[in-house]
Amino acid sequence: MKKLLLVFVIGMFSMNMMNAQELWFDAGIKGSWGPTFLLNENLVNDANYSQQISNGYSFGGKFGFNFGYIHGITLDAMYSQNKQFYNIKEGFSDVEDLTVDWKSIDLYVLYRLYRTINYFEVGPKFSLMNIVRNNNIETTQFYVENYPSAVIGFGWYVFGKEAFTATAGIRVEYALTDVISADGKAAGYPANPVRVTAFDPYETTNPLSAQLVFEINWGIGYFAKTACAGRKHFFSF
């Protein structure tokens, strides 16, 4: 995963540096909110589990490397809290419902394409699992310590003045690997405590989210050539 991120960043930097005449930087704070899901075919296909739309949120910061006014790379660090709720069919289990909630630190490396007042973004996310609970009981040991996701999103300019801007957007994220550990598979997760034995056949569990994102940015400065010397210097906004 680390090699994949490195190749992605180097490739995007190289492509944009060849075309960019000006490199400038911005930083900001951001937050998101919206529906979250745990996709598991064992539970989706079982009529005893009724998967409900659940909500999650995240907040954190970003740092942007921008090449001209079209291309950019953003580095995000977010603290996220997500949840998945299931109604359990009456008489199927002594457990009336099932709630899985998890908190993570999410690190993003995203390529952004800017067009007038809009932007498009795509890239990887790497999540560090902080804590997981099933029905309010900590079950972190039954989940993986980290996992990668694919991210795609778009947004638009809301308002701004000089070096200050605000944007809103939508970001969709899908985990590329299973988030259940080997011990968790043997103990019936993510359905535990409704189920305490392994599924046969076993299907992976992949978090999915589609959230509204709001971002406030401040321009830090830029590198540009001076007219007299022709050398690049850093200028603050």
C-alpha atoms as a PDB file:
ATOM      1  CA  MET A   1       0.000   0.000   0.000  1.00  0.00           C
ATOM      2  CA  LYS A   2       2.808   2.432   0.852  1.00  0.00           C
ATOM      3  CA  LYS A   3       4.464   1.738  -2.515  1.00  0.00           C
ATOM      4  CA  LEU A   4       1.162   2.343  -4.277  1.00  0.00           C
ATOM      5  CA  LEU A   5       0.750   5.708  -2.577  1.00  0.00           C
ATOM      6  CA  LEU A   6       4.336   6.681  -3.410  1.00  0.00           C
ATOM      7  CA  VAL A   7       3.941   5.775  -7.084  1.00  0.00           C
ATOM      8  CA  PHE A   8       0.648   7.653  -7.240  1.00  0.00           C
ATOM      9  CA  VAL A   9       2.103  10.824  -5.727  1.00  0.00           C
ATOM     10  CA  ILE A  10       5.282  10.772  -7.828  1.00  0.00           C
ATOM     11  CA  GLY A  11       3.308  10.163 -11.011  1.00  0.00           C
ATOM     12  CA  MET A  12       0.895  12.996 -10.385  1.00  0.00           C
ATOM     13  CA  PHE A  13       3.667  15.389  -9.363  1.00  0.00           C
ATOM     14  CA  SER A  14       5.703  14.579 -12.469  1.00  0.00           C
ATOM     15  CA  MET A  15       2.753  14.979 -14.834  1.00  0.00           C
ATOM     16  CA  ASN A  16       1.709  18.287 -13.409  1.00  0.00           C
ATOM     17  CA  MET A  17       5.173  19.775 -12.969  1.00  0.00           C
ATOM     18  CA  MET A  18       5.771  19.395 -16.694  1.00  0.00           C
ATOM     19  CA  ASN A  19       2.740  21.561 -17.431  1.00  0.00           C
ATOM     20  CA  ALA A  20       2.617  23.913 -14.478  1.00  0.00           C
ATOM     21  CA  GLN A  21       4.070  27.406 -14.637  1.00  0.00           C
ATOM     22  CA  GLU A  22       3.262  28.257 -11.025  1.00  0.00           C
ATOM     23  CA  LEU A  23       3.284  26.129  -7.868  1.00  0.00           C
ATOM     24  CA  TRP A  24       1.123  27.396  -5.022  1.00  0.00           C
ATOM     25  CA  PHE A  25      -0.025  26.032  -1.676  1.00  0.00           C
ATOM     26  CA  ASP A  26      -3.156  26.162   0.420  1.00  0.00           C
ATOM     27  CA  ALA A  27      -4.312  24.678   3.710  1.00  0.00           C
ATOM     28  CA  GLY A  28      -7.695  24.288   5.290  1.00  0.00           C
ATOM     29  CA  ILE A  29     -10.127  22.632   7.636  1.00  0.00           C
ATOM     30  CA  LYS A  30     -12.967  20.389   6.546  1.00  0.00           C
ATOM     31  CA  GLY A  31     -15.791  18.189   7.713  1.00  0.00           C
ATOM     32  CA  SER A  32     -18.182  15.669   6.186  1.00  0.00           C
ATOM     33  CA  TRP A  33     -21.463  13.944   7.002  1.00  0.00           C
ATOM     34  CA  GLY A  34     -23.598  11.344   5.273  1.00  0.00           C
ATOM     35  CA  PRO A  35     -24.699   7.711   4.965  1.00  0.00           C
ATOM     36  CA  THR A  36     -22.313   4.859   5.772  1.00  0.00           C
ATOM     37  CA  PHE A  37     -22.688   1.145   5.065  1.00  0.00           C
ATOM     38  CA  LEU A  38     -20.982  -2.159   5.825  1.00  0.00           C
ATOM     39  CA  LEU A  39     -21.311  -4.210   2.650  1.00  0.00           C
ATOM     40  CA  ASN A  40     -21.438  -7.926   3.458  1.00  0.00           C
ATOM     41  CA  GLU A  41     -23.223 -10.338   1.108  1.00  0.00           C
ATOM     42  CA  ASN A  42     -23.881 -12.824   3.938  1.00  0.00           C
ATOM     43  CA  LEU A  43     -26.074 -10.264   5.688  1.00  0.00           C
ATOM     44  CA  VAL A  44     -27.517  -8.653   2.553  1.00  0.00           C
ATOM     45  CA  ASN A  45     -28.851 -12.043   1.393  1.00  0.00           C
ATOM     46  CA  ASP A  46     -30.162 -13.093   4.818  1.00  0.00           C
ATOM     47  CA  ALA A  47     -33.789 -12.055   5.400  1.00  0.00           C
ATOM     48  CA  ASN A  48     -33.204 -12.131   9.174  1.00  0.00           C
ATOM     49  CA  TYR A  49     -31.045  -8.997   8.915  1.00  0.00           C
ATOM     50  CA  SER A  50     -32.600  -5.729   7.728  1.00  0.00           C
ATOM     51  CA  GLN A  51     -29.797  -3.329   6.912  1.00  0.00           C
ATOM     52  CA  GLN A  52     -30.663   0.285   7.712  1.00  0.00           C
ATOM     53  CA  ILE A  53     -29.205   3.504   6.323  1.00  0.00           C
ATOM     54  CA  SER A  54     -26.830   4.779   8.990  1.00  0.00           C
ATOM     55  CA  ASN A  55     -24.860   8.010   9.245  1.00  0.00           C
ATOM     56  CA  GLY A  56     -21.256   8.928   9.889  1.00  0.00           C
ATOM     57  CA  TYR A  57     -19.140  12.042  10.067  1.00  0.00           C
ATOM     58  CA  SER A  58     -15.531  13.159   9.924  1.00  0.00           C
ATOM     59  CA  PHE A  59     -13.473  16.292  10.510  1.00  0.00           C
ATOM     60  CA  GLY A  60      -9.863  17.298  10.002  1.00  0.00           C
ATOM     61  CA  GLY A  61      -7.542  19.282   7.799  1.00  0.00           C
ATOM     62  CA  LYS A  62      -5.896  19.380   4.386  1.00  0.00           C
ATOM     63  CA  PHE A  63      -2.799  20.678   2.650  1.00  0.00           C
ATOM     64  CA  GLY A  64      -2.814  21.338  -1.073  1.00  0.00           C
ATOM     65  CA  PHE A  65      -0.082  21.449  -3.728  1.00  0.00           C
ATOM     66  CA  ASN A  66      -1.490  23.246  -6.768  1.00  0.00           C
ATOM     67  CA  PHE A  67       0.085  23.426 -10.224  1.00  0.00           C
ATOM     68  CA  GLY A  68      -1.249  26.445 -12.027  1.00  0.00           C
ATOM     69  CA  TYR A  69      -5.017  26.665 -11.652  1.00  0.00           C
ATOM     70  CA  ILE A  70      -6.047  23.316 -13.142  1.00  0.00           C
ATOM     71  CA  HIS A  71      -4.182  20.495 -11.354  1.00  0.00           C
ATOM     72  CA  GLY A  72      -3.528  19.799  -7.698  1.00  0.00           C
ATOM     73  CA  ILE A  73      -2.628  17.201  -5.078  1.00  0.00           C
ATOM     74  CA  THR A  74      -4.391  17.344  -1.701  1.00  0.00           C
ATOM     75  CA  LEU A  75      -3.277  15.598   1.484  1.00  0.00           C
ATOM     76  CA  ASP A  76      -6.133  15.131   3.968  1.00  0.00           C
ATOM     77  CA  ALA A  77      -6.029  13.862   7.547  1.00  0.00           C
ATOM     78  CA  MET A  78      -9.474  13.148   9.018  1.00  0.00           C
ATOM     79  CA  TYR A  79     -10.916  11.687  12.195  1.00  0.00           C
ATOM     80  CA  SER A  80     -13.979   9.618  11.266  1.00  0.00           C
ATOM     81  CA  GLN A  81     -16.852   7.987  13.099  1.00  0.00           C
ATOM     82  CA  ASN A  82     -19.115   5.574  11.198  1.00  0.00           C
ATOM     83  CA  LYS A  83     -22.036   3.335  12.054  1.00  0.00           C
ATOM     84  CA  GLN A  84     -24.096   0.476  10.629  1.00  0.00           C
ATOM     85  CA  PHE A  85     -27.427  -0.542  12.136  1.00  0.00           C
ATOM     86  CA  TYR A  86     -29.394  -3.759  11.465  1.00  0.00           C
ATOM     87  CA  ASN A  87     -32.910  -4.666  12.550  1.00  0.00           C
ATOM     88  CA  ILE A  88     -33.049  -8.354  13.522  1.00  0.00           C
ATOM     89  CA  LYS A  89     -36.126 -10.412  12.619  1.00  0.00           C
ATOM     90  CA  GLU A  90     -38.253 -11.167  15.658  1.00  0.00           C
ATOM     91  CA  GLY A  91     -37.689 -14.684  16.981  1.00  0.00           C
ATOM     92  CA  PHE A  92     -34.443 -15.191  15.048  1.00  0.00           C
ATOM     93  CA  SER A  93     -32.177 -14.187  17.925  1.00  0.00           C
ATOM     94  CA  ASP A  94     -32.252 -13.095  21.540  1.00  0.00           C
ATOM     95  CA  VAL A  95     -30.442  -9.962  20.351  1.00  0.00           C
ATOM     96  CA  GLU A  96     -33.050  -7.423  19.256  1.00  0.00           C
ATOM     97  CA  ASP A  97     -30.777  -5.417  16.955  1.00  0.00           C
ATOM     98  CA  LEU A  98     -27.196  -5.128  15.793  1.00  0.00           C
ATOM     99  CA  THR A  99     -25.137  -1.948  15.723  1.00  0.00           C
ATOM    100  CA  VAL A 100     -21.553  -1.761  14.490  1.00  0.00           C
ATOM    101  CA  ASP A 101     -19.747   1.542  14.962  1.00  0.00           C
ATOM    102  CA  TRP A 102     -16.118   2.250  14.227  1.00  0.00           C
ATOM    103  CA  LYS A 103     -13.738   5.183  14.539  1.00  0.00           C
ATOM    104  CA  SER A 104     -10.627   5.670  12.423  1.00  0.00           C
ATOM    105  CA  ILE A 105      -7.899   8.070  11.393  1.00  0.00           C
ATOM    106  CA  ASP A 106      -8.101   8.499   7.609  1.00  0.00           C
ATOM    107  CA  LEU A 107      -5.207   9.680   5.432  1.00  0.00           C
ATOM    108  CA  TYR A 108      -5.912  10.762   1.839  1.00  0.00           C
ATOM    109  CA  VAL A 109      -3.706  11.457  -1.185  1.00  0.00           C
ATOM    110  CA  LEU A 110      -5.983  12.817  -3.906  1.00  0.00           C
ATOM    111  CA  TYR A 111      -5.511  14.261  -7.359  1.00  0.00           C
ATOM    112  CA  ARG A 112      -7.760  17.249  -8.095  1.00  0.00           C
ATOM    113  CA  LEU A 113      -8.770  18.617 -11.456  1.00  0.00           C
ATOM    114  CA  TYR A 114     -10.156  22.156 -11.297  1.00  0.00           C
ATOM    115  CA  ARG A 115     -12.566  23.491 -13.920  1.00  0.00           C
ATOM    116  CA  THR A 116     -13.886  27.054 -13.435  1.00  0.00           C
ATOM    117  CA  ILE A 117     -15.920  26.836 -10.194  1.00  0.00           C
ATOM    118  CA  ASN A 118     -15.937  23.025 -10.000  1.00  0.00           C
ATOM    119  CA  TYR A 119     -13.438  20.306  -9.138  1.00  0.00           C
ATOM    120  CA  PHE A 120     -13.091  16.535  -9.524  1.00  0.00           C
ATOM    121  CA  GLU A 121     -10.946  14.392  -7.207  1.00  0.00           C
ATOM    122  CA  VAL A 122      -9.751  10.785  -7.171  1.00  0.00           C
ATOM    123  CA  GLY A 123      -7.166   8.733  -5.283  1.00  0.00           C
ATOM    124  CA  PRO A 124      -6.501   6.367  -2.355  1.00  0.00           C
ATOM    125  CA  LYS A 125      -7.343   6.569   1.329  1.00  0.00           C
ATOM    126  CA  PHE A 126      -5.540   4.669   4.093  1.00  0.00           C
ATOM    127  CA  SER A 127      -7.559   4.120   7.304  1.00  0.00           C
ATOM    128  CA  LEU A 128      -6.045   3.364  10.705  1.00  0.00           C
ATOM    129  CA  MET A 129      -8.688   1.642  12.829  1.00  0.00           C
ATOM    130  CA  ASN A 130      -9.047   3.314  16.208  1.00  0.00           C
ATOM    131  CA  ILE A 131     -11.886   1.494  17.947  1.00  0.00           C
ATOM    132  CA  VAL A 132     -14.801  -0.748  16.910  1.00  0.00           C
ATOM    133  CA  ARG A 133     -17.885  -1.654  18.932  1.00  0.00           C
ATOM    134  CA  ASN A 134     -20.605  -4.217  18.331  1.00  0.00           C
ATOM    135  CA  ASN A 135     -23.696  -3.317  20.367  1.00  0.00           C
ATOM    136  CA  ASN A 136     -21.610  -0.917  22.473  1.00  0.00           C
ATOM    137  CA  ILE A 137     -19.063  -3.601  23.424  1.00  0.00           C
ATOM    138  CA  GLU A 138     -15.507  -3.029  22.196  1.00  0.00           C
ATOM    139  CA  THR A 139     -14.594  -5.581  19.518  1.00  0.00           C
ATOM    140  CA  THR A 140     -11.555  -3.907  17.952  1.00  0.00           C
ATOM    141  CA  GLN A 141      -9.482  -7.118  18.089  1.00  0.00           C
ATOM    142  CA  PHE A 142     -11.879  -8.784  15.642  1.00  0.00           C
ATOM    143  CA  TYR A 143     -11.223  -6.182  12.938  1.00  0.00           C
ATOM    144  CA  VAL A 144      -8.107  -5.317  10.941  1.00  0.00           C
ATOM    145  CA  GLU A 145      -5.743  -2.602  12.121  1.00  0.00           C
ATOM    146  CA  ASN A 146      -5.814  -0.718   8.804  1.00  0.00           C
ATOM    147  CA  TYR A 147      -7.270  -0.917   5.306  1.00  0.00           C
ATOM    148  CA  PRO A 148      -7.123   0.968   1.956  1.00  0.00           C
ATOM    149  CA  SER A 149     -10.043   2.535   0.106  1.00  0.00           C
ATOM    150  CA  ALA A 150     -10.709   4.057  -3.294  1.00  0.00           C
ATOM    151  CA  VAL A 151     -12.039   7.619  -3.240  1.00  0.00           C
ATOM    152  CA  ILE A 152     -13.854   9.641  -5.901  1.00  0.00           C
ATOM    153  CA  GLY A 153     -15.595  12.973  -5.505  1.00  0.00           C
ATOM    154  CA  PHE A 154     -16.546  16.321  -6.929  1.00  0.00           C
ATOM    155  CA  GLY A 155     -17.361  19.769  -5.584  1.00  0.00           C
ATOM    156  CA  TRP A 156     -17.910  23.398  -6.352  1.00  0.00           C
ATOM    157  CA  TYR A 157     -16.922  26.860  -5.196  1.00  0.00           C
ATOM    158  CA  VAL A 158     -19.317  28.386  -2.636  1.00  0.00           C
ATOM    159  CA  PHE A 159     -17.799  31.741  -1.725  1.00  0.00           C
ATOM    160  CA  GLY A 160     -14.473  33.417  -1.091  1.00  0.00           C
ATOM    161  CA  LYS A 161     -12.425  36.569  -0.865  1.00  0.00           C
ATOM    162  CA  GLU A 162      -8.792  37.020  -1.883  1.00  0.00           C
ATOM    163  CA  ALA A 163      -6.853  34.016  -0.473  1.00  0.00           C
ATOM    164  CA  PHE A 164      -9.876  32.645   1.432  1.00  0.00           C
ATOM    165  CA  THR A 165     -12.305  30.196  -0.237  1.00  0.00           C
ATOM    166  CA  ALA A 166     -15.043  27.779   0.798  1.00  0.00           C
ATOM    167  CA  THR A 167     -16.149  24.741  -1.199  1.00  0.00           C
ATOM    168  CA  ALA A 168     -18.814  22.047  -0.880  1.00  0.00           C
ATOM    169  CA  GLY A 169     -18.822  18.626  -2.480  1.00  0.00           C
ATOM    170  CA  ILE A 170     -19.703  14.950  -2.430  1.00  0.00           C
ATOM    171  CA  ARG A 171     -17.163  12.205  -1.742  1.00  0.00           C
ATOM    172  CA  VAL A 172     -17.718   8.449  -2.230  1.00  0.00           C
ATOM    173  CA  GLU A 173     -15.351   5.950  -0.581  1.00  0.00           C
ATOM    174  CA  TYR A 174     -15.176   2.150  -0.857  1.00  0.00           C
ATOM    175  CA  ALA A 175     -12.852  -0.152   1.102  1.00  0.00           C
ATOM    176  CA  LEU A 176     -10.778  -2.349  -1.212  1.00  0.00           C
ATOM    177  CA  THR A 177     -10.097  -5.100   1.349  1.00  0.00           C
ATOM    178  CA  ASP A 178     -11.944  -7.004   4.063  1.00  0.00           C
ATOM    179  CA  VAL A 179     -12.059  -5.255   7.463  1.00  0.00           C
ATOM    180  CA  ILE A 180     -12.664  -8.442   9.488  1.00  0.00           C
ATOM    181  CA  SER A 181      -9.620 -10.129  11.063  1.00  0.00           C
ATOM    182  CA  ALA A 182      -8.972 -13.884  11.114  1.00  0.00           C
ATOM    183  CA  ASP A 183     -10.340 -14.122  14.670  1.00  0.00           C
ATOM    184  CA  GLY A 184     -13.358 -12.085  13.618  1.00  0.00           C
ATOM    185  CA  LYS A 185     -14.152 -14.429  10.733  1.00  0.00           C
ATOM    186  CA  ALA A 186     -14.157 -17.419  13.081  1.00  0.00           C
ATOM    187  CA  ALA A 187     -16.482 -15.634  15.535  1.00  0.00           C
ATOM    188  CA  GLY A 188     -19.147 -14.592  13.022  1.00  0.00           C
ATOM    189  CA  TYR A 189     -18.269 -10.923  12.641  1.00  0.00           C
ATOM    190  CA  PRO A 190     -19.596  -8.454  11.731  1.00  0.00           C
ATOM    191  CA  ALA A 191     -22.861 -10.169  12.858  1.00  0.00           C
ATOM    192  CA  ASN A 192     -21.618 -11.023  16.367  1.00  0.00           C
ATOM    193  CA  PRO A 193     -23.341 -11.193  18.924  1.00  0.00           C
ATOM    194  CA  VAL A 194     -26.331 -12.181  16.776  1.00  0.00           C
ATOM    195  CA  ARG A 195     -24.092 -14.875  15.265  1.00  0.00           C
ATOM    196  CA  VAL A 196     -21.101 -16.416  17.051  1.00  0.00           C
ATOM    197  CA  THR A 197     -19.912 -18.945  14.427  1.00  0.00           C
ATOM    198  CA  ALA A 198     -18.180 -18.493  11.071  1.00  0.00           C
ATOM    199  CA  PHE A 199     -20.186 -17.943   7.891  1.00  0.00           C
ATOM    200  CA  ASP A 200     -20.021 -20.679   5.256  1.00  0.00           C
ATOM    201  CA  PRO A 201     -19.285 -19.540   2.654  1.00  0.00           C
ATOM    202  CA  TYR A 202     -17.641 -16.423   4.045  1.00  0.00           C
ATOM    203  CA  GLU A 203     -18.112 -13.055   2.305  1.00  0.00           C
ATOM    204  CA  THR A 204     -15.920  -9.999   2.862  1.00  0.00           C
ATOM    205  CA  THR A 205     -17.031  -6.895   4.742  1.00  0.00           C
ATOM    206  CA  ASN A 206     -16.267  -3.593   2.982  1.00  0.00           C
ATOM    207  CA  PRO A 207     -17.200  -0.142   4.345  1.00  0.00           C
ATOM    208  CA  LEU A 208     -18.871   2.221   1.876  1.00  0.00           C
ATOM    209  CA  SER A 209     -19.759   5.876   2.410  1.00  0.00           C
ATOM    210  CA  ALA A 210     -21.192   8.752   0.382  1.00  0.00           C
ATOM    211  CA  GLN A 211     -20.875  12.016   2.240  1.00  0.00           C
ATOM    212  CA  LEU A 212     -21.316  15.748   1.881  1.00  0.00           C
ATOM    213  CA  VAL A 213     -18.011  17.572   2.355  1.00  0.00           C
ATOM    214  CA  PHE A 214     -17.509  21.211   3.349  1.00  0.00           C
ATOM    215  CA  GLU A 215     -14.042  22.755   3.148  1.00  0.00           C
ATOM    216  CA  ILE A 216     -12.575  26.133   4.133  1.00  0.00           C
ATOM    217  CA  ASN A 217      -9.203  26.998   2.559  1.00  0.00           C
ATOM    218  CA  TRP A 218      -6.575  29.659   3.011  1.00  0.00           C
ATOM    219  CA  GLY A 219      -3.939  30.396   0.393  1.00  0.00           C
ATOM    220  CA  ILE A 220      -0.434  30.223   1.871  1.00  0.00           C
ATOM    221  CA  GLY A 221       1.765  31.362  -0.995  1.00  0.00           C
ATOM    222  CA  TYR A 222       3.287  30.449  -4.331  1.00  0.00           C
ATOM    223  CA  PHE A 223       6.500  30.054  -6.278  1.00  0.00           C
ATOM    224  CA  ALA A 224       6.798  32.229  -9.366  1.00  0.00           C
ATOM    225  CA  LYS A 225       9.536  33.653 -11.583  1.00  0.00           C
ATOM    226  CA  THR A 226      10.502  37.260 -11.113  1.00  0.00           C
ATOM    227  CA  ALA A 227      10.482  39.413 -14.209  1.00  0.00           C
ATOM    228  CA  CYS A 228      14.004  40.769 -13.680  1.00  0.00           C
ATOM    229  CA  ALA A 229      16.041  37.736 -12.628  1.00  0.00           C
ATOM    230  CA  GLY A 230      13.928  34.978 -14.086  1.00  0.00           C
ATOM    231  CA  ARG A 231      14.370  32.940 -10.923  1.00  0.00           C
ATOM    232  CA  LYS A 232      11.580  31.415  -8.870  1.00  0.00           C
ATOM    233  CA  HIS A 233      10.819  32.926  -5.476  1.00  0.00           C
ATOM    234  CA  PHE A 234       8.206  32.218  -2.819  1.00  0.00           C
ATOM    235  CA  PHE A 235       5.520  34.865  -2.420  1.00  0.00           C
ATOM    236  CA  SER A 236       2.902  34.994   0.359  1.00  0.00           C
ATOM    237  CA  PHE A 237      -0.680  35.789  -0.514  1.00  0.00           C
END
